[in-house]
Amino acid sequence: SLWAPLLRTGDPWPMNGSHDTSALLMNGSYVTLDCDAGGQDVTSYTFYRDEKTICSEPHVTCRGRYLDFTPITEKDSGSYTCSIQNQVSSSTSLSLRVTITWSPEGNILCTAEQIDHIVRLGCSWPGGQPAANVTMLYRNLTETGRDQVYSNVSQVLQDSSLMCGGEQLGRTSTCVMLFEPPQSPEHDDASEIVAMEGEAFTLKLILRSDSQSRLSSSSLHILPADFSWSLGGDFEPIENGDRLLVTSSHDSSSLQIPEVSVMDSGHYVCRAINLVGSRDFNFTVKVKSRVSHPLLSGDVIGRTVIGILVGLVIIFIVVCLILKRKQGKNTSIIH
């Protein structure tokens, strides 16, 4: 008679014949289960998941003692067994509990949000199986949890930082959020922006920290800001309308004018406010007219000057003729 085979994943197998009762397998990987009959005379192999045959599924291939997943998916978690059979008897293996794992979504996130009179700090790295271990560090505060961690503080101090770390099945992810007023190192308040009348025109501000030169852009998170735009001396926020459109995210803002006119020339201000402070970013806009003014045309001015000179010459000639004629009459009277 047949003795029970061993259902296993991978090599080598323990020489003492011990049986692992569970296996963690990564979603999307190519996996083979082996129904090891130990050299017995076997005529057929059958594989089961949760007591149902599995060989008919499209991503599964049964080839003798082997069960291939190409690839294995989230739905393949379950309890697996294999049965062997010959002309004399049959036998079934002990069960192997297969758990499918997958990584969390993207990278860990650092967050800070004002809620009434408190600031809610957060570290979030959800979506993994098993859930990621998450750690939060802020000054003397340390919090740990699964998937995400939140903590409320009365305020955040300028130049302090929030650090988040995550770990799941050997994979790690970290992020840092610096608590500093809004910054945009590439922005130049003194520059003049020239636009052509009638064209679509956009002013844009992107916040970035000077510290990004030392930290990777994926690990350093900008403190979210609220934005508003104004034109002229007194700061009066521009509201969205047919001619002006303000679009903002947590770290950038743009002012769009679909068809700019000469009247849109002037001094614009984008004000950014976050948990730590605020800053005004200046834009000077000059809109050029597509139609040159006649009085400013060089050709027109040249023709006008020539016309004036010709007119003066004609007047001079006429005056000379009149004076000469009068002089001739006076000479006749004397004689």
C-alpha atoms as a PDB file:
ATOM      1  CA  SER A   1       0.000   0.000   0.000  1.00  0.00           C
ATOM      2  CA  LEU A   2       1.031   3.639  -0.517  1.00  0.00           C
ATOM      3  CA  TRP A   3       2.083   5.857   2.348  1.00  0.00           C
ATOM      4  CA  ALA A   4       1.186   9.538   2.462  1.00  0.00           C
ATOM      5  CA  PRO A   5       3.260  11.772   0.159  1.00  0.00           C
ATOM      6  CA  LEU A   6       4.790  15.080   1.241  1.00  0.00           C
ATOM      7  CA  LEU A   7       3.374  18.241  -0.337  1.00  0.00           C
ATOM      8  CA  ARG A   8       6.026  20.930  -0.314  1.00  0.00           C
ATOM      9  CA  THR A   9       7.390  24.063  -1.988  1.00  0.00           C
ATOM     10  CA  GLY A  10      11.045  24.548  -2.846  1.00  0.00           C
ATOM     11  CA  ASP A  11      14.227  22.580  -2.157  1.00  0.00           C
ATOM     12  CA  PRO A  12      15.995  21.212  -0.233  1.00  0.00           C
ATOM     13  CA  TRP A  13      13.541  19.207   1.852  1.00  0.00           C
ATOM     14  CA  PRO A  14      14.429  18.276   5.471  1.00  0.00           C
ATOM     15  CA  MET A  15      16.080  14.849   5.590  1.00  0.00           C
ATOM     16  CA  ASN A  16      14.025  13.821   8.621  1.00  0.00           C
ATOM     17  CA  GLY A  17      10.843  14.032   6.574  1.00  0.00           C
ATOM     18  CA  SER A  18       9.238  16.732   8.771  1.00  0.00           C
ATOM     19  CA  HIS A  19       6.320  18.606   7.246  1.00  0.00           C
ATOM     20  CA  ASP A  20       5.855  22.382   7.028  1.00  0.00           C
ATOM     21  CA  THR A  21       2.192  23.157   7.554  1.00  0.00           C
ATOM     22  CA  SER A  22       2.195  26.636   5.954  1.00  0.00           C
ATOM     23  CA  ALA A  23       3.879  28.677   3.232  1.00  0.00           C
ATOM     24  CA  LEU A  24       3.949  32.420   2.429  1.00  0.00           C
ATOM     25  CA  LEU A  25       4.031  33.018  -1.335  1.00  0.00           C
ATOM     26  CA  MET A  26       4.280  36.374  -3.143  1.00  0.00           C
ATOM     27  CA  ASN A  27       1.386  37.389  -5.384  1.00  0.00           C
ATOM     28  CA  GLY A  28       2.426  37.345  -9.039  1.00  0.00           C
ATOM     29  CA  SER A  29       5.311  34.910  -8.571  1.00  0.00           C
ATOM     30  CA  TYR A  30       5.718  31.622 -10.425  1.00  0.00           C
ATOM     31  CA  VAL A  31       5.360  28.782  -7.915  1.00  0.00           C
ATOM     32  CA  THR A  32       5.529  24.987  -8.100  1.00  0.00           C
ATOM     33  CA  LEU A  33       4.123  22.599  -5.487  1.00  0.00           C
ATOM     34  CA  ASP A  34       5.731  19.156  -5.334  1.00  0.00           C
ATOM     35  CA  CYS A  35       3.811  16.025  -4.328  1.00  0.00           C
ATOM     36  CA  ASP A  36       6.766  13.853  -3.265  1.00  0.00           C
ATOM     37  CA  ALA A  37       5.823  10.165  -3.101  1.00  0.00           C
ATOM     38  CA  GLY A  38       9.312   9.134  -2.007  1.00  0.00           C
ATOM     39  CA  GLY A  39       9.978   6.781  -4.926  1.00  0.00           C
ATOM     40  CA  GLN A  40       6.761   4.801  -4.605  1.00  0.00           C
ATOM     41  CA  ASP A  41       5.079   3.305  -7.653  1.00  0.00           C
ATOM     42  CA  VAL A  42       2.434   5.936  -8.487  1.00  0.00           C
ATOM     43  CA  THR A  43       0.136   5.928 -11.502  1.00  0.00           C
ATOM     44  CA  SER A  44      -1.737   9.228 -10.892  1.00  0.00           C
ATOM     45  CA  TYR A  45      -1.488  12.456  -8.899  1.00  0.00           C
ATOM     46  CA  THR A  46      -4.402  14.733  -7.975  1.00  0.00           C
ATOM     47  CA  PHE A  47      -4.164  18.185  -6.360  1.00  0.00           C
ATOM     48  CA  TYR A  48      -6.818  19.843  -4.196  1.00  0.00           C
ATOM     49  CA  ARG A  49      -7.371  23.320  -2.760  1.00  0.00           C
ATOM     50  CA  ASP A  50      -9.864  23.419   0.087  1.00  0.00           C
ATOM     51  CA  GLU A  51     -10.897  19.855  -0.899  1.00  0.00           C
ATOM     52  CA  LYS A  52     -11.715  20.846  -4.511  1.00  0.00           C
ATOM     53  CA  THR A  53      -9.663  19.765  -7.515  1.00  0.00           C
ATOM     54  CA  ILE A  54      -7.602  22.595  -8.937  1.00  0.00           C
ATOM     55  CA  CYS A  55      -6.019  21.316 -12.160  1.00  0.00           C
ATOM     56  CA  SER A  56      -8.780  22.702 -14.408  1.00  0.00           C
ATOM     57  CA  GLU A  57      -8.070  26.370 -13.577  1.00  0.00           C
ATOM     58  CA  PRO A  58      -6.494  28.357 -16.479  1.00  0.00           C
ATOM     59  CA  HIS A  59      -3.401  29.626 -14.621  1.00  0.00           C
ATOM     60  CA  VAL A  60      -2.609  26.179 -13.169  1.00  0.00           C
ATOM     61  CA  THR A  61      -0.760  23.291 -14.831  1.00  0.00           C
ATOM     62  CA  CYS A  62      -0.693  19.778 -13.368  1.00  0.00           C
ATOM     63  CA  ARG A  63       2.220  17.710 -14.677  1.00  0.00           C
ATOM     64  CA  GLY A  64       2.627  14.488 -12.788  1.00  0.00           C
ATOM     65  CA  ARG A  65       3.853  15.146  -9.257  1.00  0.00           C
ATOM     66  CA  TYR A  66       4.100  18.933  -9.865  1.00  0.00           C
ATOM     67  CA  LEU A  67       1.498  21.705  -9.648  1.00  0.00           C
ATOM     68  CA  ASP A  68       2.598  24.912 -11.449  1.00  0.00           C
ATOM     69  CA  PHE A  69       1.100  28.390 -10.918  1.00  0.00           C
ATOM     70  CA  THR A  70       1.846  30.806 -13.790  1.00  0.00           C
ATOM     71  CA  PRO A  71       1.600  33.005 -11.820  1.00  0.00           C
ATOM     72  CA  ILE A  72       0.012  32.554  -8.414  1.00  0.00           C
ATOM     73  CA  THR A  73      -2.717  35.076  -7.475  1.00  0.00           C
ATOM     74  CA  GLU A  74      -4.492  36.440  -4.410  1.00  0.00           C
ATOM     75  CA  LYS A  75      -7.319  33.925  -4.948  1.00  0.00           C
ATOM     76  CA  ASP A  76      -4.951  30.985  -4.544  1.00  0.00           C
ATOM     77  CA  SER A  77      -4.736  31.222  -0.756  1.00  0.00           C
ATOM     78  CA  GLY A  78      -6.087  28.074   0.890  1.00  0.00           C
ATOM     79  CA  SER A  79      -5.399  24.587   2.204  1.00  0.00           C
ATOM     80  CA  TYR A  80      -3.686  22.295  -0.351  1.00  0.00           C
ATOM     81  CA  THR A  81      -3.395  18.505  -0.430  1.00  0.00           C
ATOM     82  CA  CYS A  82      -2.302  15.977  -3.016  1.00  0.00           C
ATOM     83  CA  SER A  83      -3.423  12.383  -3.531  1.00  0.00           C
ATOM     84  CA  ILE A  84      -1.457   9.546  -5.124  1.00  0.00           C
ATOM     85  CA  GLN A  85      -2.865   6.331  -6.538  1.00  0.00           C
ATOM     86  CA  ASN A  86      -1.780   3.038  -8.109  1.00  0.00           C
ATOM     87  CA  GLN A  87      -3.477  -0.260  -8.919  1.00  0.00           C
ATOM     88  CA  VAL A  88      -3.359  -1.336  -5.264  1.00  0.00           C
ATOM     89  CA  SER A  89      -4.192   1.669  -3.095  1.00  0.00           C
ATOM     90  CA  SER A  90      -4.238   5.459  -2.696  1.00  0.00           C
ATOM     91  CA  SER A  91      -3.060   7.952  -0.108  1.00  0.00           C
ATOM     92  CA  THR A  92      -3.397  11.670   0.639  1.00  0.00           C
ATOM     93  CA  SER A  93      -0.822  14.103   1.985  1.00  0.00           C
ATOM     94  CA  LEU A  94      -1.125  16.280   5.032  1.00  0.00           C
ATOM     95  CA  SER A  95      -2.454  19.752   4.222  1.00  0.00           C
ATOM     96  CA  LEU A  96      -0.207  22.675   3.325  1.00  0.00           C
ATOM     97  CA  ARG A  97      -1.689  26.075   4.221  1.00  0.00           C
ATOM     98  CA  VAL A  98      -0.745  28.566   1.477  1.00  0.00           C
ATOM     99  CA  THR A  99      -1.055  32.287   2.191  1.00  0.00           C
ATOM    100  CA  ILE A 100      -0.564  34.724  -0.682  1.00  0.00           C
ATOM    101  CA  THR A 101       1.250  37.937   0.196  1.00  0.00           C
ATOM    102  CA  TRP A 102       1.628  41.255  -1.632  1.00  0.00           C
ATOM    103  CA  SER A 103       3.357  44.548  -1.053  1.00  0.00           C
ATOM    104  CA  PRO A 104       1.711  47.749   0.250  1.00  0.00           C
ATOM    105  CA  GLU A 105       0.702  50.444  -2.234  1.00  0.00           C
ATOM    106  CA  GLY A 106       3.573  52.698  -3.355  1.00  0.00           C
ATOM    107  CA  ASN A 107       5.709  54.218  -0.601  1.00  0.00           C
ATOM    108  CA  ILE A 108       4.883  55.172   2.965  1.00  0.00           C
ATOM    109  CA  LEU A 109       3.216  58.589   3.388  1.00  0.00           C
ATOM    110  CA  CYS A 110       3.840  61.323   5.970  1.00  0.00           C
ATOM    111  CA  THR A 111       0.828  63.569   6.654  1.00  0.00           C
ATOM    112  CA  ALA A 112      -0.089  66.521   8.861  1.00  0.00           C
ATOM    113  CA  GLU A 113      -3.587  68.006   9.032  1.00  0.00           C
ATOM    114  CA  GLN A 114      -5.123  70.819  11.057  1.00  0.00           C
ATOM    115  CA  ILE A 115      -8.365  69.646  12.703  1.00  0.00           C
ATOM    116  CA  ASP A 116      -9.998  72.341  14.815  1.00  0.00           C
ATOM    117  CA  HIS A 117      -7.391  73.214  17.466  1.00  0.00           C
ATOM    118  CA  ILE A 118      -5.149  70.183  17.054  1.00  0.00           C
ATOM    119  CA  VAL A 119      -2.713  68.880  14.439  1.00  0.00           C
ATOM    120  CA  ARG A 120      -3.137  65.270  13.362  1.00  0.00           C
ATOM    121  CA  LEU A 121       0.138  63.606  12.366  1.00  0.00           C
ATOM    122  CA  GLY A 122       0.008  60.431  10.307  1.00  0.00           C
ATOM    123  CA  CYS A 123       2.137  57.648   8.850  1.00  0.00           C
ATOM    124  CA  SER A 124       0.360  55.452   6.316  1.00  0.00           C
ATOM    125  CA  TRP A 125       1.449  52.439   4.243  1.00  0.00           C
ATOM    126  CA  PRO A 126      -1.723  50.397   3.629  1.00  0.00           C
ATOM    127  CA  GLY A 127      -2.659  47.677   1.174  1.00  0.00           C
ATOM    128  CA  GLY A 128      -0.123  44.990   2.062  1.00  0.00           C
ATOM    129  CA  GLN A 129      -0.730  41.375   3.017  1.00  0.00           C
ATOM    130  CA  PRO A 130       0.301  40.881   5.740  1.00  0.00           C
ATOM    131  CA  ALA A 131      -0.130  44.436   7.003  1.00  0.00           C
ATOM    132  CA  ALA A 132       3.056  46.512   7.192  1.00  0.00           C
ATOM    133  CA  ASN A 133       4.604  47.462  10.522  1.00  0.00           C
ATOM    134  CA  VAL A 134       4.569  51.273  10.740  1.00  0.00           C
ATOM    135  CA  THR A 135       6.548  53.514  13.114  1.00  0.00           C
ATOM    136  CA  MET A 136       6.069  57.263  13.719  1.00  0.00           C
ATOM    137  CA  LEU A 137       8.719  59.560  15.229  1.00  0.00           C
ATOM    138  CA  TYR A 138       8.050  63.212  16.119  1.00  0.00           C
ATOM    139  CA  ARG A 139      10.309  64.890  18.660  1.00  0.00           C
ATOM    140  CA  ASN A 140       9.881  62.759  21.833  1.00  0.00           C
ATOM    141  CA  LEU A 141       6.826  60.941  20.451  1.00  0.00           C
ATOM    142  CA  THR A 142       7.050  57.356  19.149  1.00  0.00           C
ATOM    143  CA  GLU A 143       4.013  55.419  17.897  1.00  0.00           C
ATOM    144  CA  THR A 144       3.770  52.010  16.209  1.00  0.00           C
ATOM    145  CA  GLY A 145       0.967  50.139  14.479  1.00  0.00           C
ATOM    146  CA  ARG A 146      -0.124  48.119  11.437  1.00  0.00           C
ATOM    147  CA  ASP A 147      -0.817  49.769   8.062  1.00  0.00           C
ATOM    148  CA  GLN A 148      -1.122  53.283   9.535  1.00  0.00           C
ATOM    149  CA  VAL A 149      -0.473  55.294  12.683  1.00  0.00           C
ATOM    150  CA  TYR A 150      -2.000  58.635  13.754  1.00  0.00           C
ATOM    151  CA  SER A 151      -1.274  60.937  16.679  1.00  0.00           C
ATOM    152  CA  ASN A 152      -2.722  64.299  17.752  1.00  0.00           C
ATOM    153  CA  VAL A 153      -0.505  67.163  18.954  1.00  0.00           C
ATOM    154  CA  SER A 154      -1.418  70.686  20.032  1.00  0.00           C
ATOM    155  CA  GLN A 155       0.985  72.282  17.540  1.00  0.00           C
ATOM    156  CA  VAL A 156       4.014  71.618  15.371  1.00  0.00           C
ATOM    157  CA  LEU A 157       7.205  73.602  15.849  1.00  0.00           C
ATOM    158  CA  GLN A 158       9.017  75.309  12.993  1.00  0.00           C
ATOM    159  CA  ASP A 159      12.099  73.383  11.782  1.00  0.00           C
ATOM    160  CA  SER A 160      10.956  70.183  13.530  1.00  0.00           C
ATOM    161  CA  SER A 161      10.246  67.065  11.450  1.00  0.00           C
ATOM    162  CA  LEU A 162       7.952  64.051  11.252  1.00  0.00           C
ATOM    163  CA  MET A 163       9.591  60.731  10.344  1.00  0.00           C
ATOM    164  CA  CYS A 164       7.736  57.592   9.256  1.00  0.00           C
ATOM    165  CA  GLY A 165       9.104  54.109   8.652  1.00  0.00           C
ATOM    166  CA  GLY A 166       7.477  50.941   7.364  1.00  0.00           C
ATOM    167  CA  GLU A 167       8.542  47.291   7.049  1.00  0.00           C
ATOM    168  CA  GLN A 168       6.798  44.357   5.421  1.00  0.00           C
ATOM    169  CA  LEU A 169       8.371  40.997   4.605  1.00  0.00           C
ATOM    170  CA  GLY A 170      11.843  42.524   4.391  1.00  0.00           C
ATOM    171  CA  ARG A 171      10.794  45.528   2.291  1.00  0.00           C
ATOM    172  CA  THR A 172      11.232  48.946   3.916  1.00  0.00           C
ATOM    173  CA  SER A 173      10.037  52.474   3.146  1.00  0.00           C
ATOM    174  CA  THR A 174      10.685  55.811   4.889  1.00  0.00           C
ATOM    175  CA  CYS A 175       9.540  59.412   4.569  1.00  0.00           C
ATOM    176  CA  VAL A 176      10.257  62.757   6.235  1.00  0.00           C
ATOM    177  CA  MET A 177       8.045  65.845   6.498  1.00  0.00           C
ATOM    178  CA  LEU A 178       9.805  69.089   7.440  1.00  0.00           C
ATOM    179  CA  PHE A 179       7.744  71.717   9.257  1.00  0.00           C
ATOM    180  CA  GLU A 180       8.888  74.926   7.564  1.00  0.00           C
ATOM    181  CA  PRO A 181       7.143  77.926   5.945  1.00  0.00           C
ATOM    182  CA  PRO A 182       6.310  77.669   2.222  1.00  0.00           C
ATOM    183  CA  GLN A 183       9.394  77.740  -0.010  1.00  0.00           C
ATOM    184  CA  SER A 184      10.089  77.752  -3.738  1.00  0.00           C
ATOM    185  CA  PRO A 185      13.843  78.026  -4.377  1.00  0.00           C
ATOM    186  CA  GLU A 186      13.410  78.256  -8.164  1.00  0.00           C
ATOM    187  CA  HIS A 187      11.003  81.212  -7.988  1.00  0.00           C
ATOM    188  CA  ASP A 188      12.404  84.714  -8.683  1.00  0.00           C
ATOM    189  CA  ASP A 189      10.290  87.583  -7.337  1.00  0.00           C
ATOM    190  CA  ALA A 190      12.240  90.124  -9.442  1.00  0.00           C
ATOM    191  CA  SER A 191      11.720  88.501 -12.835  1.00  0.00           C
ATOM    192  CA  GLU A 192       9.329  89.920 -15.446  1.00  0.00           C
ATOM    193  CA  ILE A 193       7.080  87.590 -17.404  1.00  0.00           C
ATOM    194  CA  VAL A 194       6.192  88.701 -20.943  1.00  0.00           C
ATOM    195  CA  ALA A 195       3.019  87.514 -22.656  1.00  0.00           C
ATOM    196  CA  MET A 196       1.519  88.221 -26.072  1.00  0.00           C
ATOM    197  CA  GLU A 197      -1.989  89.633 -26.315  1.00  0.00           C
ATOM    198  CA  GLY A 198      -4.635  87.047 -27.210  1.00  0.00           C
ATOM    199  CA  GLU A 199      -2.672  83.991 -26.128  1.00  0.00           C
ATOM    200  CA  ALA A 200      -3.459  81.605 -23.276  1.00  0.00           C
ATOM    201  CA  PHE A 201      -1.316  82.452 -20.270  1.00  0.00           C
ATOM    202  CA  THR A 202      -0.504  80.630 -17.022  1.00  0.00           C
ATOM    203  CA  LEU A 203       1.297  81.655 -13.841  1.00  0.00           C
ATOM    204  CA  LYS A 204       2.422  78.694 -11.742  1.00  0.00           C
ATOM    205  CA  LEU A 205       4.009  78.257  -8.324  1.00  0.00           C
ATOM    206  CA  ILE A 206       5.500  74.950  -7.138  1.00  0.00           C
ATOM    207  CA  LEU A 207       6.571  74.584  -3.516  1.00  0.00           C
ATOM    208  CA  ARG A 208       9.806  72.771  -2.801  1.00  0.00           C
ATOM    209  CA  SER A 209      12.192  72.568   0.118  1.00  0.00           C
ATOM    210  CA  ASP A 210      15.872  73.487   0.018  1.00  0.00           C
ATOM    211  CA  SER A 211      16.446  70.207   1.847  1.00  0.00           C
ATOM    212  CA  GLN A 212      15.481  68.226  -1.260  1.00  0.00           C
ATOM    213  CA  SER A 213      19.093  68.539  -2.371  1.00  0.00           C
ATOM    214  CA  ARG A 214      19.986  66.299   0.604  1.00  0.00           C
ATOM    215  CA  LEU A 215      16.958  63.994   0.619  1.00  0.00           C
ATOM    216  CA  SER A 216      15.386  62.076  -2.239  1.00  0.00           C
ATOM    217  CA  SER A 217      12.214  63.625  -3.633  1.00  0.00           C
ATOM    218  CA  SER A 218      10.256  60.439  -2.906  1.00  0.00           C
ATOM    219  CA  SER A 219      11.143  60.405   0.808  1.00  0.00           C
ATOM    220  CA  LEU A 220      10.762  64.153   1.539  1.00  0.00           C
ATOM    221  CA  HIS A 221       7.168  65.365   1.785  1.00  0.00           C
ATOM    222  CA  ILE A 222       6.164  69.028   1.546  1.00  0.00           C
ATOM    223  CA  LEU A 223       3.900  70.404   4.261  1.00  0.00           C
ATOM    224  CA  PRO A 224       0.510  70.983   2.546  1.00  0.00           C
ATOM    225  CA  ALA A 225      -0.429  74.605   1.862  1.00  0.00           C
ATOM    226  CA  ASP A 226      -3.514  76.636   0.961  1.00  0.00           C
ATOM    227  CA  PHE A 227      -3.132  79.077  -1.958  1.00  0.00           C
ATOM    228  CA  SER A 228      -4.786  82.326  -3.068  1.00  0.00           C
ATOM    229  CA  TRP A 229      -3.991  84.816  -5.857  1.00  0.00           C
ATOM    230  CA  SER A 230      -4.322  88.595  -6.092  1.00  0.00           C
ATOM    231  CA  LEU A 231      -3.713  91.387  -8.625  1.00  0.00           C
ATOM    232  CA  GLY A 232      -2.630  94.859  -7.551  1.00  0.00           C
ATOM    233  CA  GLY A 233      -1.518  96.481  -4.308  1.00  0.00           C
ATOM    234  CA  ASP A 234      -4.150  95.417  -1.770  1.00  0.00           C
ATOM    235  CA  PHE A 235      -4.433  91.646  -1.488  1.00  0.00           C
ATOM    236  CA  GLU A 236      -7.936  90.764  -2.661  1.00  0.00           C
ATOM    237  CA  PRO A 237      -8.215  87.072  -3.599  1.00  0.00           C
ATOM    238  CA  ILE A 238      -9.089  86.383  -7.219  1.00  0.00           C
ATOM    239  CA  GLU A 239     -12.198  84.254  -7.655  1.00  0.00           C
ATOM    240  CA  ASN A 240     -12.644  81.772 -10.476  1.00  0.00           C
ATOM    241  CA  GLY A 241     -14.587  83.157 -13.413  1.00  0.00           C
ATOM    242  CA  ASP A 242     -14.802  83.088 -17.200  1.00  0.00           C
ATOM    243  CA  ARG A 243     -11.467  84.884 -17.619  1.00  0.00           C
ATOM    244  CA  LEU A 244      -9.480  83.656 -14.612  1.00  0.00           C
ATOM    245  CA  LEU A 245      -9.087  80.108 -13.331  1.00  0.00           C
ATOM    246  CA  VAL A 246      -7.189  79.181 -10.155  1.00  0.00           C
ATOM    247  CA  THR A 247      -6.173  75.525  -9.730  1.00  0.00           C
ATOM    248  CA  SER A 248      -4.336  74.286  -6.635  1.00  0.00           C
ATOM    249  CA  SER A 249      -3.015  71.073  -5.082  1.00  0.00           C
ATOM    250  CA  HIS A 250      -1.286  70.523  -1.730  1.00  0.00           C
ATOM    251  CA  ASP A 251       2.067  71.807  -3.065  1.00  0.00           C
ATOM    252  CA  SER A 252       1.341  73.868  -6.200  1.00  0.00           C
ATOM    253  CA  SER A 253      -1.036  76.453  -7.632  1.00  0.00           C
ATOM    254  CA  SER A 254      -1.637  78.031 -11.035  1.00  0.00           C
ATOM    255  CA  LEU A 255      -3.535  81.054 -12.363  1.00  0.00           C
ATOM    256  CA  GLN A 256      -4.781  80.574 -15.927  1.00  0.00           C
ATOM    257  CA  ILE A 257      -5.999  83.269 -18.324  1.00  0.00           C
ATOM    258  CA  PRO A 258      -7.430  81.673 -21.508  1.00  0.00           C
ATOM    259  CA  GLU A 259      -7.025  84.873 -23.585  1.00  0.00           C
ATOM    260  CA  VAL A 260      -4.751  87.497 -22.084  1.00  0.00           C
ATOM    261  CA  SER A 261      -5.192  91.215 -22.844  1.00  0.00           C
ATOM    262  CA  VAL A 262      -3.056  94.317 -22.321  1.00  0.00           C
ATOM    263  CA  MET A 263      -5.262  95.141 -19.321  1.00  0.00           C
ATOM    264  CA  ASP A 264      -3.940  91.982 -17.608  1.00  0.00           C
ATOM    265  CA  SER A 265      -0.482  93.515 -17.238  1.00  0.00           C
ATOM    266  CA  GLY A 266       0.461  94.161 -13.634  1.00  0.00           C
ATOM    267  CA  HIS A 267       1.740  92.766 -10.360  1.00  0.00           C
ATOM    268  CA  TYR A 268       0.338  89.396  -9.253  1.00  0.00           C
ATOM    269  CA  VAL A 269       0.794  87.752  -5.854  1.00  0.00           C
ATOM    270  CA  CYS A 270       0.373  84.091  -4.915  1.00  0.00           C
ATOM    271  CA  ARG A 271      -0.016  83.651  -1.151  1.00  0.00           C
ATOM    272  CA  ALA A 272       0.804  80.225   0.339  1.00  0.00           C
ATOM    273  CA  ILE A 273      -0.185  79.368   3.932  1.00  0.00           C
ATOM    274  CA  ASN A 274       0.686  76.184   5.843  1.00  0.00           C
ATOM    275  CA  LEU A 275       0.724  75.044   9.485  1.00  0.00           C
ATOM    276  CA  VAL A 276       3.972  76.890  10.197  1.00  0.00           C
ATOM    277  CA  GLY A 277       3.646  80.200   8.353  1.00  0.00           C
ATOM    278  CA  SER A 278       2.866  82.043   5.126  1.00  0.00           C
ATOM    279  CA  ARG A 279       4.695  83.711   2.241  1.00  0.00           C
ATOM    280  CA  ASP A 280       3.799  85.919  -0.718  1.00  0.00           C
ATOM    281  CA  PHE A 281       5.349  85.046  -4.088  1.00  0.00           C
ATOM    282  CA  ASN A 282       5.426  87.920  -6.624  1.00  0.00           C
ATOM    283  CA  PHE A 283       4.881  87.802 -10.389  1.00  0.00           C
ATOM    284  CA  THR A 284       5.309  90.834 -12.689  1.00  0.00           C
ATOM    285  CA  VAL A 285       3.430  90.396 -15.973  1.00  0.00           C
ATOM    286  CA  LYS A 286       3.802  92.524 -19.113  1.00  0.00           C
ATOM    287  CA  VAL A 287       1.388  91.886 -21.985  1.00  0.00           C
ATOM    288  CA  LYS A 288       2.476  93.106 -25.433  1.00  0.00           C
ATOM    289  CA  SER A 289      -0.083  94.350 -27.934  1.00  0.00           C
ATOM    290  CA  ARG A 290      -0.218  92.608 -31.311  1.00  0.00           C
ATOM    291  CA  VAL A 291      -1.169  95.912 -33.119  1.00  0.00           C
ATOM    292  CA  SER A 292       1.436  98.710 -33.162  1.00  0.00           C
ATOM    293  CA  HIS A 293       0.092 102.242 -32.549  1.00  0.00           C
ATOM    294  CA  PRO A 294       0.238 104.391 -35.734  1.00  0.00           C
ATOM    295  CA  LEU A 295       2.046 107.221 -33.938  1.00  0.00           C
ATOM    296  CA  LEU A 296       4.788 104.789 -32.956  1.00  0.00           C
ATOM    297  CA  SER A 297       5.320 103.481 -36.520  1.00  0.00           C
ATOM    298  CA  GLY A 298       8.719 104.422 -37.972  1.00  0.00           C
ATOM    299  CA  ASP A 299       7.420 104.524 -41.558  1.00  0.00           C
ATOM    300  CA  VAL A 300       4.552 106.805 -40.612  1.00  0.00           C
ATOM    301  CA  ILE A 301       6.851 109.123 -38.673  1.00  0.00           C
ATOM    302  CA  GLY A 302       9.300 109.267 -41.617  1.00  0.00           C
ATOM    303  CA  ARG A 303       6.579 110.086 -44.120  1.00  0.00           C
ATOM    304  CA  THR A 304       5.156 112.734 -41.800  1.00  0.00           C
ATOM    305  CA  VAL A 305       8.522 114.465 -41.381  1.00  0.00           C
ATOM    306  CA  ILE A 306       9.134 114.478 -45.129  1.00  0.00           C
ATOM    307  CA  GLY A 307       5.663 115.893 -45.727  1.00  0.00           C
ATOM    308  CA  ILE A 308       6.268 118.678 -43.211  1.00  0.00           C
ATOM    309  CA  LEU A 309       9.605 119.565 -44.805  1.00  0.00           C
ATOM    310  CA  VAL A 310       8.073 119.646 -48.280  1.00  0.00           C
ATOM    311  CA  GLY A 311       5.280 121.858 -46.976  1.00  0.00           C
ATOM    312  CA  LEU A 312       7.763 124.251 -45.393  1.00  0.00           C
ATOM    313  CA  VAL A 313       9.737 124.461 -48.651  1.00  0.00           C
ATOM    314  CA  ILE A 314       6.576 125.258 -50.603  1.00  0.00           C
ATOM    315  CA  ILE A 315       5.580 127.920 -48.082  1.00  0.00           C
ATOM    316  CA  PHE A 316       9.068 129.420 -48.274  1.00  0.00           C
ATOM    317  CA  ILE A 317       8.908 129.562 -52.083  1.00  0.00           C
ATOM    318  CA  VAL A 318       5.445 131.170 -52.028  1.00  0.00           C
ATOM    319  CA  VAL A 319       6.577 133.773 -49.493  1.00  0.00           C
ATOM    320  CA  CYS A 320       9.625 134.576 -51.621  1.00  0.00           C
ATOM    321  CA  LEU A 321       7.484 135.035 -54.750  1.00  0.00           C
ATOM    322  CA  ILE A 322       5.075 137.322 -52.903  1.00  0.00           C
ATOM    323  CA  LEU A 323       7.903 139.448 -51.549  1.00  0.00           C
ATOM    324  CA  LYS A 324       9.537 139.649 -54.973  1.00  0.00           C
ATOM    325  CA  ARG A 325       6.266 140.714 -56.600  1.00  0.00           C
ATOM    326  CA  LYS A 326       5.715 143.442 -53.986  1.00  0.00           C
ATOM    327  CA  GLN A 327       9.262 144.662 -54.502  1.00  0.00           C
ATOM    328  CA  GLY A 328       8.658 144.927 -58.275  1.00  0.00           C
ATOM    329  CA  LYS A 329       5.480 147.005 -57.785  1.00  0.00           C
ATOM    330  CA  ASN A 330       7.243 149.446 -55.454  1.00  0.00           C
ATOM    331  CA  THR A 331      10.025 149.971 -58.029  1.00  0.00           C
ATOM    332  CA  SER A 332       7.466 150.845 -60.756  1.00  0.00           C
ATOM    333  CA  ILE A 333       5.792 153.509 -58.578  1.00  0.00           C
ATOM    334  CA  ILE A 334       9.105 155.253 -57.875  1.00  0.00           C
ATOM    335  CA  HIS A 335       9.866 155.552 -61.566  1.00  0.00           C
END
